[in-house]
Amino acid sequence: MYSRLSLSWITSSWAVSLLLVFPVLAIIYQGLVPAQALFQHLMQTVMWDYILNTVLLILGVGILSAMMAIPAAWFMAMCDIPGRKYLQWALMLPLAMPAYVVAALYTELLDFAGPVQGALRDLFGWQSAQDYWFPNIRSMGGAIVILASVLFPYLYLLARTSFLEQSDTLMHSAQLLGKTRAQAFWRISLPLARPSIAIGLSLIAMETLADFATVDFFAVNTLTRAVYDTWLGYGNLNAAAKISSLMLVAVVLIIGLERFSRRKQKVFQKSMGQETKHLIKLLGWQKWLASAFCWGLVWIGFLLPFLMLIYYAYSYFEQSWTEQFVRYSLDTLLLAGVVALIACVIAMLVGLFRRLHVRRGSDIPARLCSMGYAVPGTVLAIGILIPLGWLDHRLNEVVEFFGGTGPGLFFSGSILALICGYLVRFSAIAVGAVEGSLNKIPPSLDMVSKTLGKSSFNMVRKVHIPLISKGCFTALLLVFIESMKELPAALILRPFNFETLATYVFEFVSDEMIEYGALPAIVIVLVGLIPLIVLSRSIEQH
């Protein structure tokens, strides 16, 4: 029999996990409801173009990211090139740059009226666009390049770790068999790294699928943009939910393909603890070409956009430092802090439930809490609006039944909707961080506590919580940062007259006034650098 405390713990863990997974179930349910006229019209006209553009975008970003990340990962793991000490962590920096900000900056730089084409016209005497050809940045190709330049570090990190774990013995054996370094790479290193590469590409594919701001800025019609336009443009929740269901299917396919690609692959050969890694010394032009390639990725994905932001922020500081900027910054900090705190409490609740109730199915609440992270923000926002909208209707009906005036959009039109969306999206991060700390606590400590007659509550308070404090702090930090950066869900769920820093910057980007949004964009970038610094230090320690 369970004690009253244990029963409360079980009930609350399952209740919270079911609430967090309910928006996903709501989308699935709404997707099965008969289609209304708008969705049927979209299917007959533009929907297949949206689907095709989405597929092309994912394939293009994936291929270009692989061309960027895999060589860089190989150079950093296996070769001794100039600047390697700094490049190892510098190649992670593009992750801190919002893709839509990079898109706006490169458009300013490379568009017809920008300084690059202007300089070319002055240099060669060209008068108009008819006199020369220049690639159009506002296109599918431009979106692919921009997204790949900021997303490739996902694949770089995983591929580099995989290359570092490979034993030098395999490479030496290949050379003894008469294989060149290039042949050894293609036949040994790359196949061994396939599982990590598959995971990295699936992450990039899901991030590309979830992106809204970049494709909206470049006017590339994808499913994410269709969800946003259908809801905010037509106010049709049924059609938006059905398009969201298509995106859920896409997410499931991406995850399924990633697992299918490595279903039969098992890797047993890894670097031994006593083994010393011997870096390949590239000679002459090869080492400088490799170094230039890696620094070029850093320059394109982070340094050049960041320097442009600093220049704009300095030049337009008086116009940027406004009462609105201060208010939105404080609102964003408060919102992110509340979400991070609640997410950490949820993670501790389901994590300790799994720890204390070691029974079949005790890990299900934690898994349910983690489902929302794989769902794109726009899709998740629709999933939040469906149940909250239903609650609003029922609440108004009850109030009006008793002769009162309905409160309107009490749930879906308030900050509660935004908090719920962030929690569903980012609780997975907190659950992962807390579970990682709990898994490091040896079971013997639990046994000792029980032997000494301590109750579960006292064991949690005096043993578990002190030992997982670092994991909880990591969870708070990561959820806080992700909440500050989130854009697609915030665009749909934010209340009237409420802005986050991300939506504030996006408004300037949409109006092609990135100069005035440079200061808040720098704040977002600097906050995004924090987890990269933590990650870089943890990698160096290992």
Protein backbone atom coordinates (compact mmCIF):
# COMPACT_ATOMS: atom_id res chain seq x y z
CA MET A 1 0.00 0.00 0.00
CA TYR A 2 1.18 3.51 -0.75
CA SER A 3 1.48 6.14 1.93
CA ARG A 4 -0.45 9.38 1.59
CA LEU A 5 2.74 11.19 0.49
CA SER A 6 3.59 8.50 -2.08
CA LEU A 7 0.05 8.55 -3.46
CA SER A 8 0.20 12.33 -3.80
CA TRP A 9 3.56 12.06 -5.56
CA ILE A 10 2.26 9.45 -8.00
CA THR A 11 -0.92 11.39 -8.73
CA SER A 12 0.83 14.73 -9.26
CA SER A 13 3.55 13.21 -11.49
CA TRP A 14 1.05 11.56 -13.79
CA ALA A 15 -1.25 14.61 -13.78
CA VAL A 16 1.55 17.01 -14.75
CA SER A 17 2.90 14.71 -17.48
CA LEU A 18 -0.56 14.22 -18.99
CA LEU A 19 -1.19 17.97 -18.98
CA LEU A 20 2.10 18.57 -20.81
CA VAL A 21 1.35 15.96 -23.48
CA PHE A 22 -2.30 17.04 -23.90
CA PRO A 23 -1.57 19.77 -26.53
CA VAL A 24 0.06 17.16 -28.77
CA LEU A 25 -2.97 14.88 -28.35
CA ALA A 26 -5.25 17.84 -29.07
CA ILE A 27 -3.54 18.43 -32.43
CA ILE A 28 -3.90 14.77 -33.34
CA TYR A 29 -7.58 14.81 -32.37
CA GLN A 30 -8.26 18.03 -34.27
CA GLY A 31 -6.49 16.59 -37.28
CA LEU A 32 -9.02 13.76 -37.37
CA VAL A 33 -12.00 16.13 -37.32
CA PRO A 34 -13.62 16.57 -40.78
CA ALA A 35 -11.92 19.31 -42.75
CA GLN A 36 -13.58 22.67 -43.19
CA ALA A 37 -13.80 24.61 -46.46
CA LEU A 38 -10.60 26.60 -45.94
CA PHE A 39 -8.38 23.53 -45.49
CA GLN A 40 -9.95 21.85 -48.51
CA HIS A 41 -9.31 25.00 -50.54
CA LEU A 42 -5.66 25.06 -49.40
CA MET A 43 -5.23 21.40 -50.34
CA GLN A 44 -6.61 22.09 -53.81
CA THR A 45 -4.44 25.17 -54.41
CA VAL A 46 -1.19 25.82 -52.51
CA MET A 47 -0.70 23.08 -49.91
CA TRP A 48 1.37 20.82 -52.14
CA ASP A 49 3.68 23.75 -52.91
CA TYR A 50 4.09 24.27 -49.15
CA ILE A 51 4.93 20.60 -48.66
CA LEU A 52 7.39 20.54 -51.58
CA ASN A 53 9.13 23.72 -50.38
CA THR A 54 9.41 22.25 -46.87
CA VAL A 55 10.98 19.05 -48.18
CA LEU A 56 13.42 20.95 -50.43
CA LEU A 57 14.38 23.27 -47.59
CA ILE A 58 15.07 20.38 -45.18
CA LEU A 59 17.09 18.47 -47.78
CA GLY A 60 19.05 21.55 -48.82
CA VAL A 61 19.89 22.62 -45.27
CA GLY A 62 20.83 19.05 -44.33
CA ILE A 63 23.17 18.56 -47.29
CA LEU A 64 24.86 21.96 -46.93
CA SER A 65 25.20 21.53 -43.14
CA ALA A 66 26.90 18.16 -43.71
CA MET A 67 29.29 19.75 -46.20
CA MET A 68 30.18 22.35 -43.56
CA ALA A 69 30.18 20.31 -40.36
CA ILE A 70 31.77 16.96 -41.23
CA PRO A 71 35.06 18.35 -42.64
CA ALA A 72 35.29 20.83 -39.75
CA ALA A 73 34.67 18.05 -37.20
CA TRP A 74 37.35 15.88 -38.84
CA PHE A 75 39.91 18.70 -38.83
CA MET A 76 39.23 19.51 -35.16
CA ALA A 77 39.33 15.87 -34.01
CA MET A 78 42.12 14.45 -36.14
CA CYS A 79 44.36 17.22 -37.50
CA ASP A 80 46.81 19.74 -36.11
CA ILE A 81 46.02 22.99 -37.91
CA PRO A 82 46.69 26.65 -37.07
CA GLY A 83 44.19 28.03 -34.56
CA ARG A 84 42.80 24.61 -33.60
CA LYS A 85 42.71 25.53 -29.88
CA TYR A 86 40.30 28.41 -30.56
CA LEU A 87 38.42 26.86 -33.46
CA GLN A 88 37.23 23.94 -31.34
CA TRP A 89 34.84 26.20 -29.42
CA ALA A 90 34.51 29.00 -32.00
CA LEU A 91 32.75 26.61 -34.39
CA MET A 92 29.92 26.35 -31.85
CA LEU A 93 29.27 30.12 -31.79
CA PRO A 94 26.82 30.27 -34.75
CA LEU A 95 24.27 28.42 -32.59
CA ALA A 96 23.88 31.62 -30.54
CA MET A 97 22.79 33.65 -33.58
CA PRO A 98 19.05 33.72 -34.37
CA ALA A 99 18.69 32.69 -38.02
CA TYR A 100 16.22 35.47 -38.84
CA VAL A 101 18.65 38.10 -37.55
CA VAL A 102 21.44 36.65 -39.71
CA ALA A 103 19.02 36.63 -42.66
CA ALA A 104 18.21 40.32 -42.18
CA LEU A 105 21.88 41.28 -41.84
CA TYR A 106 22.99 39.42 -44.95
CA THR A 107 20.08 40.88 -46.87
CA GLU A 108 21.27 44.35 -45.86
CA LEU A 109 24.74 43.37 -47.04
CA LEU A 110 24.01 41.48 -50.28
CA ASP A 111 20.74 42.93 -51.61
CA PHE A 112 20.69 45.13 -54.71
CA ALA A 113 20.85 48.32 -52.63
CA GLY A 114 23.46 46.84 -50.26
CA PRO A 115 27.15 47.79 -50.05
CA VAL A 116 28.45 44.67 -51.88
CA GLN A 117 26.45 45.13 -55.07
CA GLY A 118 26.89 48.88 -54.82
CA ALA A 119 30.67 48.47 -54.70
CA LEU A 120 30.58 46.12 -57.70
CA ARG A 121 28.56 48.59 -59.73
CA ASP A 122 30.97 51.42 -58.86
CA LEU A 123 34.00 49.24 -59.62
CA PHE A 124 32.88 47.86 -62.99
CA GLY A 125 30.62 50.68 -64.12
CA TRP A 126 27.43 48.60 -64.08
CA GLN A 127 24.27 50.66 -64.12
CA SER A 128 21.45 48.24 -63.24
CA ALA A 129 20.64 44.62 -62.47
CA GLN A 130 20.38 43.93 -66.23
CA ASP A 131 24.13 44.54 -66.60
CA TYR A 132 25.23 41.70 -64.31
CA TRP A 133 24.08 38.61 -62.43
CA PHE A 134 24.18 38.32 -58.66
CA PRO A 135 22.58 35.53 -56.57
CA ASN A 136 19.26 36.55 -55.04
CA ILE A 137 19.51 36.33 -51.25
CA ARG A 138 15.70 36.50 -50.92
CA SER A 139 15.10 32.99 -52.23
CA MET A 140 14.98 29.33 -51.30
CA GLY A 141 18.73 29.15 -51.87
CA GLY A 142 19.30 32.10 -49.56
CA ALA A 143 17.17 30.50 -46.83
CA ILE A 144 19.13 27.24 -47.17
CA VAL A 145 22.50 29.01 -46.86
CA ILE A 146 21.43 31.11 -43.87
CA LEU A 147 19.87 28.21 -41.95
CA ALA A 148 22.81 25.91 -42.66
CA SER A 149 25.31 28.56 -41.52
CA VAL A 150 23.73 28.73 -38.04
CA LEU A 151 22.57 25.11 -37.64
CA PHE A 152 25.66 23.16 -38.76
CA PRO A 153 27.18 23.21 -35.20
CA TYR A 154 24.58 20.61 -34.14
CA LEU A 155 26.19 18.14 -36.54
CA TYR A 156 29.71 19.44 -35.89
CA LEU A 157 29.49 18.72 -32.14
CA LEU A 158 28.18 15.18 -32.57
CA ALA A 159 30.51 14.27 -35.44
CA ARG A 160 33.57 15.67 -33.66
CA THR A 161 32.76 13.67 -30.52
CA SER A 162 32.38 10.54 -32.64
CA PHE A 163 35.70 11.11 -34.40
CA LEU A 164 37.45 11.72 -31.05
CA GLU A 165 36.13 8.41 -29.69
CA GLN A 166 37.54 6.40 -32.59
CA SER A 167 40.71 4.49 -31.88
CA ASP A 168 43.97 5.46 -33.55
CA THR A 169 44.61 1.74 -33.99
CA LEU A 170 42.05 1.58 -36.79
CA MET A 171 43.71 4.39 -38.73
CA HIS A 172 47.16 2.87 -38.26
CA SER A 173 45.87 -0.50 -39.43
CA ALA A 174 44.40 1.10 -42.56
CA GLN A 175 47.72 2.75 -43.35
CA LEU A 176 49.56 -0.56 -42.87
CA LEU A 177 47.17 -2.08 -45.40
CA GLY A 178 48.22 0.55 -47.93
CA LYS A 179 45.25 2.91 -47.63
CA THR A 180 45.68 6.65 -47.86
CA ARG A 181 44.28 9.01 -45.23
CA ALA A 182 41.43 9.95 -47.55
CA GLN A 183 40.56 6.28 -48.14
CA ALA A 184 40.73 5.56 -44.39
CA PHE A 185 38.36 8.48 -43.76
CA TRP A 186 35.76 7.31 -46.30
CA ARG A 187 35.96 3.61 -45.44
CA ILE A 188 36.50 3.67 -41.65
CA SER A 189 36.01 6.99 -39.86
CA LEU A 190 32.91 8.17 -41.72
CA PRO A 191 30.99 4.84 -41.46
CA LEU A 192 31.79 4.65 -37.73
CA ALA A 193 30.46 8.19 -37.28
CA ARG A 194 27.21 7.46 -39.15
CA PRO A 195 25.03 7.12 -36.00
CA SER A 196 26.17 10.53 -34.69
CA ILE A 197 25.80 12.09 -38.14
CA ALA A 198 22.27 10.69 -38.45
CA ILE A 199 21.30 12.18 -35.08
CA GLY A 200 22.85 15.54 -35.97
CA LEU A 201 21.07 15.68 -39.32
CA SER A 202 17.74 14.81 -37.68
CA LEU A 203 18.21 17.67 -35.20
CA ILE A 204 18.98 20.06 -38.05
CA ALA A 205 15.96 18.80 -39.99
CA MET A 206 13.63 19.40 -37.03
CA GLU A 207 15.07 22.87 -36.42
CA THR A 208 14.61 23.68 -40.11
CA LEU A 209 11.04 22.41 -40.04
CA ALA A 210 10.34 24.54 -36.96
CA ASP A 211 11.82 27.75 -38.38
CA PHE A 212 9.29 30.43 -39.20
CA ALA A 213 11.02 33.80 -39.12
CA THR A 214 13.71 33.11 -41.72
CA VAL A 215 11.38 31.59 -44.31
CA ASP A 216 8.85 34.36 -43.67
CA PHE A 217 11.50 37.03 -44.22
CA PHE A 218 12.58 35.39 -47.50
CA ALA A 219 8.93 34.71 -48.53
CA VAL A 220 9.50 30.95 -48.82
CA ASN A 221 6.17 29.19 -48.34
CA THR A 222 6.64 26.26 -45.94
CA LEU A 223 4.27 24.38 -43.64
CA THR A 224 5.38 26.44 -40.63
CA ARG A 225 4.46 29.64 -42.42
CA ALA A 226 1.16 28.08 -43.49
CA VAL A 227 0.21 27.38 -39.84
CA TYR A 228 0.99 30.96 -38.85
CA ASP A 229 -0.87 32.52 -41.79
CA THR A 230 -3.89 30.23 -41.43
CA TRP A 231 -4.38 31.11 -37.77
CA LEU A 232 -3.45 34.80 -37.66
CA GLY A 233 -4.52 35.59 -41.22
CA TYR A 234 -7.79 33.63 -41.44
CA GLY A 235 -8.47 32.88 -37.76
CA ASN A 236 -9.24 29.26 -38.67
CA LEU A 237 -8.12 26.93 -35.89
CA ASN A 238 -9.34 23.79 -37.68
CA ALA A 239 -7.19 24.39 -40.76
CA ALA A 240 -4.19 25.42 -38.65
CA ALA A 241 -4.52 22.23 -36.58
CA LYS A 242 -4.70 20.05 -39.70
CA ILE A 243 -1.55 21.65 -41.13
CA SER A 244 0.06 21.16 -37.72
CA SER A 245 -0.89 17.49 -37.93
CA LEU A 246 1.04 17.26 -41.20
CA MET A 247 4.07 18.75 -39.45
CA LEU A 248 3.72 16.23 -36.62
CA VAL A 249 3.81 13.48 -39.22
CA ALA A 250 6.96 15.07 -40.65
CA VAL A 251 8.60 15.08 -37.19
CA VAL A 252 7.72 11.41 -36.68
CA LEU A 253 9.14 10.57 -40.12
CA ILE A 254 12.39 12.41 -39.39
CA ILE A 255 12.85 10.62 -36.07
CA GLY A 256 11.86 7.29 -37.65
CA LEU A 257 14.29 7.71 -40.56
CA GLU A 258 17.11 8.59 -38.16
CA ARG A 259 16.53 5.43 -36.13
CA PHE A 260 15.96 3.27 -39.22
CA SER A 261 19.26 4.44 -40.75
CA ARG A 262 21.23 3.01 -37.82
CA ARG A 263 18.98 0.12 -36.78
CA LYS A 264 21.56 -2.61 -37.53
CA GLN A 265 24.69 -0.65 -36.79
CA LYS A 266 26.65 -1.43 -33.63
CA VAL A 267 29.97 0.16 -32.74
CA PHE A 268 32.27 -1.53 -30.27
CA GLN A 269 35.67 -0.10 -31.20
CA LYS A 270 36.37 3.08 -29.27
CA SER A 271 39.42 4.89 -28.04
CA MET A 272 40.87 3.35 -24.89
CA GLY A 273 41.63 5.41 -21.83
CA GLN A 274 45.39 4.73 -22.05
CA GLU A 275 45.55 5.61 -25.74
CA THR A 276 47.20 8.87 -26.74
CA LYS A 277 45.62 10.70 -29.64
CA HIS A 278 48.16 11.40 -32.39
CA LEU A 279 47.01 14.34 -34.49
CA ILE A 280 47.66 14.31 -38.21
CA LYS A 281 50.06 17.09 -39.15
CA LEU A 282 48.94 18.69 -42.38
CA LEU A 283 51.70 20.32 -44.38
CA GLY A 284 52.01 23.40 -46.52
CA TRP A 285 48.90 24.74 -48.19
CA GLN A 286 46.75 21.92 -46.80
CA LYS A 287 46.89 23.12 -43.18
CA TRP A 288 46.21 26.71 -44.18
CA LEU A 289 43.32 25.69 -46.42
CA ALA A 290 41.80 23.61 -43.59
CA SER A 291 42.21 26.50 -41.14
CA ALA A 292 40.72 28.98 -43.62
CA PHE A 293 37.74 26.67 -44.19
CA CYS A 294 36.97 26.45 -40.46
CA TRP A 295 37.51 30.15 -39.79
CA GLY A 296 35.33 30.89 -42.81
CA LEU A 297 32.45 29.00 -41.19
CA VAL A 298 32.91 30.99 -37.97
CA TRP A 299 33.13 34.25 -39.90
CA ILE A 300 30.00 33.60 -41.98
CA GLY A 301 27.88 32.13 -39.18
CA PHE A 302 28.85 34.38 -36.27
CA LEU A 303 31.66 36.95 -36.49
CA LEU A 304 30.44 39.02 -39.45
CA PRO A 305 26.77 39.16 -38.31
CA PHE A 306 27.81 39.92 -34.73
CA LEU A 307 30.15 42.73 -35.80
CA MET A 308 27.35 44.20 -37.91
CA LEU A 309 25.02 44.06 -34.89
CA ILE A 310 27.61 45.86 -32.75
CA TYR A 311 28.03 48.55 -35.42
CA TYR A 312 24.26 49.09 -35.75
CA ALA A 313 23.74 49.04 -31.99
CA TYR A 314 26.44 51.70 -31.53
CA SER A 315 25.20 53.86 -34.43
CA TYR A 316 21.53 53.69 -33.41
CA PHE A 317 21.93 53.43 -29.65
CA GLU A 318 19.80 56.49 -28.84
CA GLN A 319 16.96 55.24 -31.04
CA SER A 320 17.24 51.67 -29.66
CA TRP A 321 17.51 52.38 -25.94
CA THR A 322 13.86 53.21 -25.38
CA GLU A 323 11.28 52.67 -22.68
CA GLN A 324 9.84 49.87 -24.79
CA PHE A 325 13.18 48.07 -24.97
CA VAL A 326 13.62 48.23 -21.20
CA ARG A 327 10.04 47.11 -20.52
CA TYR A 328 10.19 44.22 -22.99
CA SER A 329 13.55 43.14 -21.60
CA LEU A 330 12.19 43.03 -18.05
CA ASP A 331 9.02 41.24 -19.20
CA THR A 332 11.11 38.65 -21.03
CA LEU A 333 13.40 38.10 -18.04
CA LEU A 334 10.41 37.68 -15.73
CA LEU A 335 8.61 35.32 -18.13
CA ALA A 336 11.71 33.20 -18.72
CA GLY A 337 12.41 33.07 -14.97
CA VAL A 338 8.89 31.88 -14.14
CA VAL A 339 8.98 29.22 -16.88
CA ALA A 340 12.43 28.02 -15.81
CA LEU A 341 11.37 27.72 -12.16
CA ILE A 342 8.18 25.79 -12.95
CA ALA A 343 10.00 23.53 -15.43
CA CYS A 344 12.63 22.73 -12.81
CA VAL A 345 9.94 21.83 -10.27
CA ILE A 346 8.26 19.56 -12.85
CA ALA A 347 11.58 17.91 -13.66
CA MET A 348 12.28 17.23 -9.99
CA LEU A 349 8.76 15.88 -9.51
CA VAL A 350 8.87 13.32 -12.33
CA GLY A 351 12.58 12.58 -11.87
CA LEU A 352 12.23 11.78 -8.17
CA PHE A 353 9.05 9.82 -8.89
CA ARG A 354 11.05 7.58 -11.21
CA ARG A 355 13.80 7.29 -8.58
CA LEU A 356 11.58 6.47 -5.62
CA HIS A 357 9.00 4.27 -7.35
CA VAL A 358 11.15 1.76 -9.20
CA ARG A 359 8.33 -0.09 -10.89
CA ARG A 360 7.31 -0.86 -14.42
CA GLY A 361 6.11 2.30 -16.11
CA SER A 362 7.68 4.70 -13.59
CA ASP A 363 9.64 6.35 -16.41
CA ILE A 364 6.51 7.12 -18.47
CA PRO A 365 5.77 10.53 -16.86
CA ALA A 366 9.30 11.74 -17.64
CA ARG A 367 9.00 10.53 -21.24
CA LEU A 368 5.62 12.22 -21.65
CA CYS A 369 7.04 15.49 -20.32
CA SER A 370 9.77 15.30 -22.97
CA MET A 371 7.53 14.83 -26.00
CA GLY A 372 6.88 18.53 -26.60
CA TYR A 373 10.50 19.44 -27.34
CA ALA A 374 10.44 17.68 -30.72
CA VAL A 375 7.31 19.57 -31.78
CA PRO A 376 7.81 22.86 -33.73
CA GLY A 377 6.81 25.99 -31.82
CA THR A 378 4.03 27.00 -34.21
CA VAL A 379 2.50 23.51 -34.02
CA LEU A 380 2.73 23.53 -30.25
CA ALA A 381 1.06 26.93 -30.09
CA ILE A 382 -1.94 25.58 -31.99
CA GLY A 383 -2.01 22.60 -29.63
CA ILE A 384 -2.15 25.01 -26.67
CA LEU A 385 -4.90 27.13 -28.21
CA ILE A 386 -7.23 24.17 -28.83
CA PRO A 387 -7.81 23.17 -25.16
CA LEU A 388 -7.48 26.72 -23.80
CA GLY A 389 -9.96 27.98 -26.39
CA TRP A 390 -12.38 25.23 -25.35
CA LEU A 391 -11.98 26.28 -21.71
CA ASP A 392 -12.65 29.91 -22.63
CA HIS A 393 -15.91 28.97 -24.35
CA ARG A 394 -17.08 26.83 -21.43
CA LEU A 395 -16.16 29.51 -18.87
CA ASN A 396 -18.03 32.21 -20.82
CA GLU A 397 -21.08 29.95 -21.17
CA VAL A 398 -21.18 29.29 -17.42
CA VAL A 399 -20.78 32.98 -16.51
CA GLU A 400 -23.44 34.05 -19.02
CA PHE A 401 -25.78 31.29 -17.80
CA PHE A 402 -25.76 32.94 -14.37
CA GLY A 403 -26.45 36.35 -15.92
CA GLY A 404 -22.92 37.72 -15.89
CA THR A 405 -20.67 39.05 -18.63
CA GLY A 406 -18.18 36.50 -19.96
CA PRO A 407 -14.49 37.26 -19.30
CA GLY A 408 -13.60 36.64 -22.95
CA LEU A 409 -10.27 35.02 -23.73
CA PHE A 410 -9.39 34.45 -20.09
CA PHE A 411 -7.07 31.50 -20.78
CA SER A 412 -6.01 31.63 -24.43
CA GLY A 413 -5.63 35.42 -24.51
CA SER A 414 -3.50 35.80 -21.39
CA ILE A 415 0.10 35.24 -20.38
CA LEU A 416 -0.98 31.82 -19.14
CA ALA A 417 -1.09 30.53 -22.72
CA LEU A 418 2.49 31.65 -23.33
CA ILE A 419 3.72 30.06 -20.09
CA CYS A 420 1.95 26.79 -20.93
CA GLY A 421 3.47 26.76 -24.42
CA TYR A 422 6.98 27.32 -23.09
CA LEU A 423 6.54 24.63 -20.43
CA VAL A 424 5.37 22.04 -22.94
CA ARG A 425 8.26 22.96 -25.25
CA PHE A 426 11.13 23.18 -22.77
CA SER A 427 10.30 20.89 -19.86
CA ALA A 428 12.23 18.17 -21.70
CA ILE A 429 15.45 20.16 -21.19
CA ALA A 430 14.90 20.39 -17.45
CA VAL A 431 13.91 16.71 -17.19
CA GLY A 432 17.09 15.68 -18.99
CA ALA A 433 19.33 17.81 -16.78
CA VAL A 434 17.74 16.66 -13.50
CA GLU A 435 17.66 13.00 -14.56
CA GLY A 436 21.34 13.19 -15.47
CA SER A 437 22.15 14.33 -11.91
CA LEU A 438 19.86 11.75 -10.31
CA ASN A 439 21.45 8.92 -12.29
CA LYS A 440 24.83 9.79 -10.77
CA ILE A 441 23.57 9.20 -7.22
CA PRO A 442 24.42 5.60 -6.23
CA PRO A 443 21.44 3.48 -5.08
CA SER A 444 23.39 2.63 -1.93
CA LEU A 445 22.64 6.10 -0.54
CA ASP A 446 18.91 5.40 -0.80
CA MET A 447 19.39 2.06 0.95
CA VAL A 448 21.38 3.66 3.78
CA SER A 449 18.66 6.30 4.27
CA LYS A 450 15.95 3.65 4.49
CA THR A 451 18.08 1.56 6.87
CA LEU A 452 18.39 4.58 9.15
CA GLY A 453 14.59 4.88 9.18
CA LYS A 454 14.34 8.04 7.10
CA SER A 455 11.07 8.66 5.30
CA SER A 456 10.98 9.28 1.54
CA PHE A 457 10.39 12.98 2.14
CA ASN A 458 13.41 13.31 4.45
CA MET A 459 15.57 11.28 2.07
CA VAL A 460 14.65 13.59 -0.78
CA ARG A 461 15.21 16.71 1.31
CA LYS A 462 18.52 15.70 2.90
CA VAL A 463 20.11 13.45 0.26
CA HIS A 464 18.71 13.89 -3.24
CA ILE A 465 18.08 17.64 -3.44
CA PRO A 466 21.58 18.66 -2.21
CA LEU A 467 23.21 16.22 -4.64
CA ILE A 468 21.19 17.33 -7.68
CA SER A 469 21.49 21.04 -6.98
CA LYS A 470 23.97 21.52 -9.85
CA GLY A 471 21.68 19.66 -12.23
CA CYS A 472 18.75 21.83 -11.12
CA PHE A 473 20.81 24.96 -11.69
CA THR A 474 21.73 23.72 -15.18
CA ALA A 475 18.05 23.03 -15.86
CA LEU A 476 17.07 26.52 -14.71
CA LEU A 477 19.77 28.11 -16.86
CA LEU A 478 19.01 26.20 -20.04
CA VAL A 479 15.23 26.62 -19.85
CA PHE A 480 15.67 30.32 -19.03
CA ILE A 481 17.86 30.86 -22.11
CA GLU A 482 15.62 28.87 -24.45
CA SER A 483 12.57 30.77 -23.20
CA MET A 484 14.25 34.08 -23.95
CA LYS A 485 15.08 33.00 -27.51
CA GLU A 486 11.80 31.28 -28.47
CA LEU A 487 10.00 33.06 -31.31
CA PRO A 488 7.38 30.98 -33.24
CA ALA A 489 5.30 30.01 -30.19
CA ALA A 490 5.55 33.54 -28.77
CA LEU A 491 4.26 35.09 -32.01
CA ILE A 492 1.03 33.08 -31.79
CA LEU A 493 0.48 32.81 -28.02
CA ARG A 494 1.52 36.25 -26.74
CA PRO A 495 -1.28 38.41 -25.30
CA PHE A 496 -2.20 41.75 -26.84
CA ASN A 497 0.29 44.53 -26.06
CA PHE A 498 2.88 42.05 -24.84
CA GLU A 499 6.25 41.53 -26.50
CA THR A 500 9.27 39.38 -25.75
CA LEU A 501 12.72 40.40 -26.93
CA ALA A 502 12.48 37.80 -29.71
CA THR A 503 9.16 39.13 -31.04
CA TYR A 504 10.41 42.70 -30.59
CA VAL A 505 13.46 42.00 -32.77
CA PHE A 506 11.33 40.11 -35.29
CA GLU A 507 9.11 43.16 -35.78
CA PHE A 508 12.14 45.22 -36.77
CA VAL A 509 13.34 42.42 -39.05
CA SER A 510 9.91 42.19 -40.72
CA ASP A 511 9.89 45.96 -41.26
CA GLU A 512 13.48 45.74 -42.59
CA MET A 513 14.73 47.99 -39.81
CA ILE A 514 17.28 45.63 -38.27
CA GLU A 515 19.38 48.67 -37.29
CA TYR A 516 16.86 49.55 -34.58
CA GLY A 517 16.61 45.94 -33.43
CA ALA A 518 20.36 45.39 -33.17
CA LEU A 519 20.58 46.20 -29.44
CA PRO A 520 17.91 43.69 -28.30
CA ALA A 521 19.34 41.17 -30.78
CA ILE A 522 22.75 41.49 -29.10
CA VAL A 523 21.11 40.76 -25.74
CA ILE A 524 19.59 37.57 -27.17
CA VAL A 525 22.94 36.53 -28.68
CA LEU A 526 24.88 37.17 -25.47
CA VAL A 527 22.37 35.15 -23.46
CA GLY A 528 22.62 32.37 -26.04
CA LEU A 529 26.40 32.26 -25.60
CA ILE A 530 26.09 31.11 -21.97
CA PRO A 531 25.23 27.45 -22.66
CA LEU A 532 27.90 27.32 -25.36
CA ILE A 533 30.52 28.47 -22.87
CA VAL A 534 29.33 25.86 -20.35
CA LEU A 535 29.36 23.17 -23.03
CA SER A 536 32.81 24.16 -24.24
CA ARG A 537 34.24 23.92 -20.72
CA SER A 538 32.64 20.52 -20.12
CA ILE A 539 34.14 19.19 -23.39
CA GLU A 540 37.58 20.52 -22.47
CA GLN A 541 37.39 18.81 -19.05
CA HIS A 542 36.76 15.49 -20.75
